[in-house]
PDB file of all heavy atoms in Angstrom:
ATOM      1  N   GLU A   1       0.857  -1.172  -0.001  1.00  0.00           N
ATOM      2  CA  GLU A   1      -0.001   0.007   0.008  1.00  0.00           C
ATOM      3  C   GLU A   1       0.897   1.216   0.006  1.00  0.00           C
ATOM      4  O   GLU A   1       2.079   1.113   0.297  1.00  0.00           O
ATOM      5  CB  GLU A   1      -0.955  -0.021   1.191  1.00  0.00           C
ATOM      6  CG  GLU A   1      -0.255   0.025   2.528  1.00  0.00           C
ATOM      7  CD  GLU A   1      -1.208  -0.131   3.707  1.00  0.00           C
ATOM      8  OE1 GLU A   1      -2.156  -0.912   3.614  1.00  0.00           O
ATOM      9  OE2 GLU A   1      -1.005   0.583   4.698  1.00  0.00           O
ATOM     10  N   PRO A   2       0.400   2.386  -0.338  1.00  0.00           N
ATOM     11  CA  PRO A   2       1.297   3.527  -0.421  1.00  0.00           C
ATOM     12  C   PRO A   2       2.096   3.762   0.845  1.00  0.00           C
ATOM     13  O   PRO A   2       1.564   3.684   1.938  1.00  0.00           O
ATOM     14  CB  PRO A   2       0.308   4.695  -0.691  1.00  0.00           C
ATOM     15  CG  PRO A   2      -0.847   4.043  -1.381  1.00  0.00           C
ATOM     16  CD  PRO A   2      -0.969   2.690  -0.761  1.00  0.00           C
ATOM     17  N   ALA A   3       3.370   4.006   0.674  1.00  0.00           N
ATOM     18  CA  ALA A   3       4.252   4.162   1.808  1.00  0.00           C
ATOM     19  C   ALA A   3       3.966   5.461   2.518  1.00  0.00           C
ATOM     20  O   ALA A   3       3.567   6.446   1.946  1.00  0.00           O
ATOM     21  CB  ALA A   3       5.718   4.164   1.354  1.00  0.00           C
ATOM     22  N   GLN A   4       4.220   5.451   3.848  1.00  0.00           N
ATOM     23  CA  GLN A   4       4.012   6.652   4.650  1.00  0.00           C
ATOM     24  C   GLN A   4       5.293   7.199   5.245  1.00  0.00           C
ATOM     25  O   GLN A   4       5.300   8.069   6.081  1.00  0.00           O
ATOM     26  CB  GLN A   4       3.010   6.335   5.789  1.00  0.00           C
ATOM     27  CG  GLN A   4       1.648   5.879   5.285  1.00  0.00           C
ATOM     28  CD  GLN A   4       0.958   6.923   4.438  1.00  0.00           C
ATOM     29  OE1 GLN A   4       1.014   8.078   4.718  1.00  0.00           O
ATOM     30  NE2 GLN A   4       0.321   6.513   3.366  1.00  0.00           N
ATOM     31  N   GLY A   5       6.404   6.603   4.836  1.00  0.00           N
ATOM     32  CA  GLY A   5       7.678   7.116   5.273  1.00  0.00           C
ATOM     33  C   GLY A   5       7.857   7.068   6.751  1.00  0.00           C
ATOM     34  O   GLY A   5       7.895   6.033   7.376  1.00  0.00           O
ATOM     35  N   ALA A   6       7.987   8.185   7.410  1.00  0.00           N
ATOM     36  CA  ALA A   6       8.302   8.256   8.815  1.00  0.00           C
ATOM     37  C   ALA A   6       7.203   7.722   9.689  1.00  0.00           C
ATOM     38  O   ALA A   6       7.419   7.451  10.873  1.00  0.00           O
ATOM     39  CB  ALA A   6       8.620   9.697   9.184  1.00  0.00           C
ATOM     40  N   ALA A   7       6.044   7.495   9.165  1.00  0.00           N
ATOM     41  CA  ALA A   7       4.958   6.987   9.997  1.00  0.00           C
ATOM     42  C   ALA A   7       5.149   5.534  10.330  1.00  0.00           C
ATOM     43  O   ALA A   7       4.487   4.997  11.188  1.00  0.00           O
ATOM     44  CB  ALA A   7       3.636   7.187   9.272  1.00  0.00           C
ATOM     45  N   THR A   8       6.050   4.862   9.690  1.00  0.00           N
ATOM     46  CA  THR A   8       6.266   3.452   9.932  1.00  0.00           C
ATOM     47  C   THR A   8       7.081   3.259  11.211  1.00  0.00           C
ATOM     48  O   THR A   8       7.719   4.167  11.704  1.00  0.00           O
ATOM     49  CB  THR A   8       6.998   2.807   8.753  1.00  0.00           C
ATOM     50  OG1 THR A   8       8.219   3.488   8.534  1.00  0.00           O
ATOM     51  CG2 THR A   8       6.161   2.877   7.495  1.00  0.00           C
ATOM     52  N   ALA A   9       7.082   2.005  11.710  1.00  0.00           N
ATOM     53  CA  ALA A   9       7.870   1.682  12.878  1.00  0.00           C
ATOM     54  C   ALA A   9       9.327   1.811  12.529  1.00  0.00           C
ATOM     55  O   ALA A   9       9.734   1.809  11.372  1.00  0.00           O
ATOM     56  CB  ALA A   9       7.531   0.267  13.333  1.00  0.00           C
ATOM     57  N   PRO A  10      10.226   1.917  13.548  1.00  0.00           N
ATOM     58  CA  PRO A  10      11.633   2.187  13.259  1.00  0.00           C
ATOM     59  C   PRO A  10      12.260   1.176  12.324  1.00  0.00           C
ATOM     60  O   PRO A  10      13.078   1.535  11.512  1.00  0.00           O
ATOM     61  CB  PRO A  10      12.254   2.116  14.671  1.00  0.00           C
ATOM     62  CG  PRO A  10      11.140   2.515  15.587  1.00  0.00           C
ATOM     63  CD  PRO A  10       9.906   1.973  14.964  1.00  0.00           C
ATOM     64  N   HIS A  11      11.865  -0.108  12.426  1.00  0.00           N
ATOM     65  CA  HIS A  11      12.499  -1.089  11.571  1.00  0.00           C
ATOM     66  C   HIS A  11      11.730  -1.314  10.275  1.00  0.00           C
ATOM     67  O   HIS A  11      12.136  -2.092   9.439  1.00  0.00           O
ATOM     68  CB  HIS A  11      12.631  -2.440  12.311  1.00  0.00           C
ATOM     69  CG  HIS A  11      11.328  -3.173  12.499  1.00  0.00           C
ATOM     70  ND1 HIS A  11      10.444  -2.855  13.481  1.00  0.00           N
ATOM     71  CD2 HIS A  11      10.757  -4.181  11.778  1.00  0.00           C
ATOM     72  CE1 HIS A  11       9.381  -3.671  13.412  1.00  0.00           C
ATOM     73  NE2 HIS A  11       9.538  -4.459  12.375  1.00  0.00           N
ATOM     74  N   ARG A  12      10.624  -0.608  10.119  1.00  0.00           N
ATOM     75  CA  ARG A  12       9.849  -0.749   8.899  1.00  0.00           C
ATOM     76  C   ARG A  12      10.533  -0.040   7.746  1.00  0.00           C
ATOM     77  O   ARG A  12      11.208   0.950   7.921  1.00  0.00           O
ATOM     78  CB  ARG A  12       8.444  -0.158   9.105  1.00  0.00           C
ATOM     79  CG  ARG A  12       7.539  -1.037   9.929  1.00  0.00           C
ATOM     80  CD  ARG A  12       7.164  -2.243   9.146  1.00  0.00           C
ATOM     81  NE  ARG A  12       6.078  -2.958   9.809  1.00  0.00           N
ATOM     82  CZ  ARG A  12       5.606  -4.097   9.390  1.00  0.00           C
ATOM     83  NH1 ARG A  12       6.139  -4.640   8.321  1.00  0.00           N
ATOM     84  NH2 ARG A  12       4.660  -4.716  10.025  1.00  0.00           N
ATOM     85  N   VAL A  13      10.290  -0.576   6.567  1.00  0.00           N
ATOM     86  CA  VAL A  13      10.862   0.030   5.367  1.00  0.00           C
ATOM     87  C   VAL A  13       9.901   1.090   4.876  1.00  0.00           C
ATOM     88  O   VAL A  13       8.750   0.798   4.550  1.00  0.00           O
ATOM     89  CB  VAL A  13      11.102  -1.026   4.279  1.00  0.00           C
ATOM     90  CG1 VAL A  13      11.543  -0.351   3.007  1.00  0.00           C
ATOM     91  CG2 VAL A  13      12.170  -1.989   4.756  1.00  0.00           C
ATOM     92  N   GLY A  14      10.323   2.283   4.858  1.00  0.00           N
ATOM     93  CA  GLY A  14       9.545   3.372   4.270  1.00  0.00           C
ATOM     94  C   GLY A  14      10.330   3.986   3.132  1.00  0.00           C
ATOM     95  O   GLY A  14      11.396   3.531   2.795  1.00  0.00           O
ATOM     96  N   GLY A  15       9.844   5.022   2.586  1.00  0.00           N
ATOM     97  CA  GLY A  15      10.571   5.679   1.511  1.00  0.00           C
ATOM     98  C   GLY A  15      10.626   7.173   1.735  1.00  0.00           C
ATOM     99  O   GLY A  15       9.775   7.762   2.357  1.00  0.00           O
ATOM    100  N   GLY A  16      11.693   7.799   1.232  1.00  0.00           N
ATOM    101  CA  GLY A  16      11.791   9.239   1.370  1.00  0.00           C
ATOM    102  C   GLY A  16      10.812   9.936   0.449  1.00  0.00           C
ATOM    103  O   GLY A  16      10.451   9.449  -0.615  1.00  0.00           O
ATOM    104  N   LEU A  17      10.336  11.074   0.869  1.00  0.00           N
ATOM    105  CA  LEU A  17       9.426  11.857   0.040  1.00  0.00           C
ATOM    106  C   LEU A  17      10.214  12.520  -1.093  1.00  0.00           C
ATOM    107  O   LEU A  17      11.388  12.805  -0.990  1.00  0.00           O
ATOM    108  CB  LEU A  17       8.722  12.906   0.903  1.00  0.00           C
ATOM    109  CG  LEU A  17       7.817  12.364   2.012  1.00  0.00           C
ATOM    110  CD1 LEU A  17       7.237  13.536   2.810  1.00  0.00           C
ATOM    111  CD2 LEU A  17       6.717  11.494   1.443  1.00  0.00           C
ATOM    112  N   LEU A  18       9.507  12.776  -2.184  1.00  0.00           N
ATOM    113  CA  LEU A  18      10.143  13.387  -3.348  1.00  0.00           C
ATOM    114  C   LEU A  18      10.243  14.888  -3.135  1.00  0.00           C
ATOM    115  O   LEU A  18       9.243  15.560  -2.850  1.00  0.00           O
ATOM    116  CB  LEU A  18       9.330  13.073  -4.610  1.00  0.00           C
ATOM    117  CG  LEU A  18       9.811  13.754  -5.891  1.00  0.00           C
ATOM    118  CD1 LEU A  18      11.188  13.240  -6.280  1.00  0.00           C
ATOM    119  CD2 LEU A  18       8.818  13.521  -7.021  1.00  0.00           C
ATOM    120  N   ASP A  19      11.428  15.406  -3.270  1.00  0.00           N
ATOM    121  CA  ASP A  19      11.652  16.847  -3.185  1.00  0.00           C
ATOM    122  C   ASP A  19      11.298  17.456  -4.548  1.00  0.00           C
ATOM    123  O   ASP A  19      11.944  17.134  -5.558  1.00  0.00           O
ATOM    124  CB  ASP A  19      13.109  17.123  -2.826  1.00  0.00           C
ATOM    125  CG  ASP A  19      13.403  18.617  -2.672  1.00  0.00           C
ATOM    126  OD1 ASP A  19      12.459  19.421  -2.889  1.00  0.00           O
ATOM    127  OD2 ASP A  19      14.554  18.950  -2.367  1.00  0.00           O
ATOM    128  N   PRO A  20      10.294  18.342  -4.607  1.00  0.00           N
ATOM    129  CA  PRO A  20       9.916  18.920  -5.924  1.00  0.00           C
ATOM    130  C   PRO A  20      11.086  19.608  -6.615  1.00  0.00           C
ATOM    131  O   PRO A  20      11.132  19.639  -7.855  1.00  0.00           O
ATOM    132  CB  PRO A  20       8.810  19.926  -5.547  1.00  0.00           C
ATOM    133  CG  PRO A  20       8.264  19.418  -4.251  1.00  0.00           C
ATOM    134  CD  PRO A  20       9.448  18.793  -3.530  1.00  0.00           C
ATOM    135  N   ARG A  21      12.005  20.159  -5.828  1.00  0.00           N
ATOM    136  CA  ARG A  21      13.164  20.815  -6.455  1.00  0.00           C
ATOM    137  C   ARG A  21      14.023  19.817  -7.238  1.00  0.00           C
ATOM    138  O   ARG A  21      14.744  20.224  -8.165  1.00  0.00           O
ATOM    139  CB  ARG A  21      13.998  21.521  -5.388  1.00  0.00           C
ATOM    140  CG  ARG A  21      13.288  22.714  -4.752  1.00  0.00           C
ATOM    141  CD  ARG A  21      14.064  23.259  -3.584  1.00  0.00           C
ATOM    142  NE  ARG A  21      14.188  22.271  -2.510  1.00  0.00           N
ATOM    143  CZ  ARG A  21      14.790  22.483  -1.359  1.00  0.00           C
ATOM    144  NH1 ARG A  21      15.373  23.642  -1.118  1.00  0.00           N
ATOM    145  NH2 ARG A  21      14.855  21.536  -0.440  1.00  0.00           N
ATOM    146  N   GLN A  22      13.947  18.561  -6.839  1.00  0.00           N
ATOM    147  CA  GLN A  22      14.721  17.536  -7.538  1.00  0.00           C
ATOM    148  C   GLN A  22      14.232  17.392  -8.981  1.00  0.00           C
ATOM    149  O   GLN A  22      15.012  17.047  -9.882  1.00  0.00           O
ATOM    150  CB  GLN A  22      14.628  16.207  -6.799  1.00  0.00           C
ATOM    151  CG  GLN A  22      15.506  15.095  -7.371  1.00  0.00           C
ATOM    152  CD  GLN A  22      16.985  15.427  -7.222  1.00  0.00           C
ATOM    153  OE1 GLN A  22      17.463  15.824  -6.181  1.00  0.00           O
ATOM    154  NE2 GLN A  22      17.732  15.235  -8.305  1.00  0.00           N
ATOM    155  N   LEU A  23      12.937  17.625  -9.204  1.00  0.00           N
ATOM    156  CA  LEU A  23      12.399  17.545 -10.563  1.00  0.00           C
ATOM    157  C   LEU A  23      13.075  18.584 -11.466  1.00  0.00           C
ATOM    158  O   LEU A  23      13.448  18.285 -12.607  1.00  0.00           O
ATOM    159  CB  LEU A  23      10.883  17.769 -10.539  1.00  0.00           C
ATOM    160  CG  LEU A  23      10.040  16.674  -9.881  1.00  0.00           C
ATOM    161  CD1 LEU A  23       8.593  17.140  -9.778  1.00  0.00           C
ATOM    162  CD2 LEU A  23      10.125  15.376 -10.667  1.00  0.00           C
ATOM    163  N   LEU A  24      13.240  19.789 -10.945  1.00  0.00           N
ATOM    164  CA  LEU A  24      13.899  20.843 -11.731  1.00  0.00           C
ATOM    165  C   LEU A  24      15.373  20.521 -11.957  1.00  0.00           C
ATOM    166  O   LEU A  24      15.900  20.707 -13.050  1.00  0.00           O
ATOM    167  CB  LEU A  24      13.731  22.189 -11.042  1.00  0.00           C
ATOM    168  CG  LEU A  24      12.285  22.729 -10.927  1.00  0.00           C
ATOM    169  CD1 LEU A  24      12.245  24.014 -10.126  1.00  0.00           C
ATOM    170  CD2 LEU A  24      11.686  22.927 -12.307  1.00  0.00           C
ATOM    171  N   ARG A  25      16.036  20.052 -10.880  1.00  0.00           N
ATOM    172  CA  ARG A  25      17.474  19.760 -11.024  1.00  0.00           C
ATOM    173  C   ARG A  25      17.709  18.616 -12.004  1.00  0.00           C
ATOM    174  O   ARG A  25      18.774  18.555 -12.628  1.00  0.00           O
ATOM    175  CB  ARG A  25      18.045  19.437  -9.654  1.00  0.00           C
ATOM    176  CG  ARG A  25      18.157  20.619  -8.707  1.00  0.00           C
ATOM    177  CD  ARG A  25      19.053  20.295  -7.537  1.00  0.00           C
ATOM    178  NE  ARG A  25      18.502  19.236  -6.691  1.00  0.00           N
ATOM    179  CZ  ARG A  25      17.744  19.452  -5.620  1.00  0.00           C
ATOM    180  NH1 ARG A  25      17.456  20.703  -5.264  1.00  0.00           N
ATOM    181  NH2 ARG A  25      17.288  18.455  -4.913  1.00  0.00           N
ATOM    182  N   SER A  26      16.754  17.716 -12.114  1.00  0.00           N
ATOM    183  CA  SER A  26      16.951  16.530 -12.963  1.00  0.00           C
ATOM    184  C   SER A  26      16.480  16.754 -14.395  1.00  0.00           C
ATOM    185  O   SER A  26      16.734  15.910 -15.258  1.00  0.00           O
ATOM    186  CB  SER A  26      16.183  15.342 -12.367  1.00  0.00           C
ATOM    187  OG  SER A  26      16.627  15.042 -11.069  1.00  0.00           O
ATOM    188  N   THR A  27      15.810  17.870 -14.657  1.00  0.00           N
ATOM    189  CA  THR A  27      15.289  18.123 -16.031  1.00  0.00           C
ATOM    190  C   THR A  27      16.413  18.135 -17.084  1.00  0.00           C
ATOM    191  O   THR A  27      16.238  17.534 -18.157  1.00  0.00           O
ATOM    192  CB  THR A  27      14.482  19.420 -16.055  1.00  0.00           C
ATOM    193  OG1 THR A  27      13.378  19.300 -15.168  1.00  0.00           O
ATOM    194  CG2 THR A  27      13.982  19.706 -17.467  1.00  0.00           C
ATOM    195  N   PRO A  28      17.552  18.801 -16.857  1.00  0.00           N
ATOM    196  CA  PRO A  28      18.614  18.743 -17.882  1.00  0.00           C
ATOM    197  C   PRO A  28      19.062  17.305 -18.182  1.00  0.00           C
ATOM    198  O   PRO A  28      19.306  16.967 -19.349  1.00  0.00           O
ATOM    199  CB  PRO A  28      19.736  19.568 -17.249  1.00  0.00           C
ATOM    200  CG  PRO A  28      19.039  20.510 -16.319  1.00  0.00           C
ATOM    201  CD  PRO A  28      17.901  19.720 -15.754  1.00  0.00           C
ATOM    202  N   ASP A  29      19.172  16.486 -17.134  1.00  0.00           N
ATOM    203  CA  ASP A  29      19.548  15.088 -17.364  1.00  0.00           C
ATOM    204  C   ASP A  29      18.495  14.367 -18.162  1.00  0.00           C
ATOM    205  O   ASP A  29      18.793  13.507 -19.020  1.00  0.00           O
ATOM    206  CB  ASP A  29      19.781  14.372 -16.031  1.00  0.00           C
ATOM    207  CG  ASP A  29      21.028  14.840 -15.321  1.00  0.00           C
ATOM    208  OD1 ASP A  29      21.963  15.263 -16.032  1.00  0.00           O
ATOM    209  OD2 ASP A  29      21.093  14.784 -14.086  1.00  0.00           O
ATOM    210  N   ALA A  30      17.206  14.672 -17.892  1.00  0.00           N
ATOM    211  CA  ALA A  30      16.126  14.050 -18.634  1.00  0.00           C
ATOM    212  C   ALA A  30      16.185  14.401 -20.109  1.00  0.00           C
ATOM    213  O   ALA A  30      15.939  13.558 -20.969  1.00  0.00           O
ATOM    214  CB  ALA A  30      14.777  14.457 -18.025  1.00  0.00           C
ATOM    215  N   LEU A  31      16.556  15.645 -20.410  1.00  0.00           N
ATOM    216  CA  LEU A  31      16.654  16.068 -21.797  1.00  0.00           C
ATOM    217  C   LEU A  31      17.843  15.379 -22.485  1.00  0.00           C
ATOM    218  O   LEU A  31      17.760  15.007 -23.661  1.00  0.00           O
ATOM    219  CB  LEU A  31      16.788  17.600 -21.884  1.00  0.00           C
ATOM    220  CG  LEU A  31      15.569  18.394 -21.402  1.00  0.00           C
ATOM    221  CD1 LEU A  31      15.853  19.885 -21.422  1.00  0.00           C
ATOM    222  CD2 LEU A  31      14.335  18.089 -22.269  1.00  0.00           C
ATOM    223  N   ARG A  32      18.921  15.215 -21.736  1.00  0.00           N
ATOM    224  CA  ARG A  32      20.101  14.535 -22.326  1.00  0.00           C
ATOM    225  C   ARG A  32      19.782  13.079 -22.646  1.00  0.00           C
ATOM    226  O   ARG A  32      20.380  12.496 -23.563  1.00  0.00           O
ATOM    227  CB  ARG A  32      21.294  14.623 -21.366  1.00  0.00           C
ATOM    228  CG  ARG A  32      21.999  15.986 -21.412  1.00  0.00           C
ATOM    229  CD  ARG A  32      23.315  15.933 -20.650  1.00  0.00           C
ATOM    230  NE  ARG A  32      23.102  15.914 -19.214  1.00  0.00           N
ATOM    231  CZ  ARG A  32      23.018  17.005 -18.457  1.00  0.00           C
ATOM    232  NH1 ARG A  32      23.143  18.204 -19.038  1.00  0.00           N
ATOM    233  NH2 ARG A  32      22.826  16.920 -17.170  1.00  0.00           N
TER     234      ARG A  32
END
């Protein structure tokens, strides 16, 4: 089910949230 990141227990596997600024920083690489 969709991950909740920090809401999980300490040993649970969650995922980091996407930083919107990363989309802009990665756009040149996407074009390449």
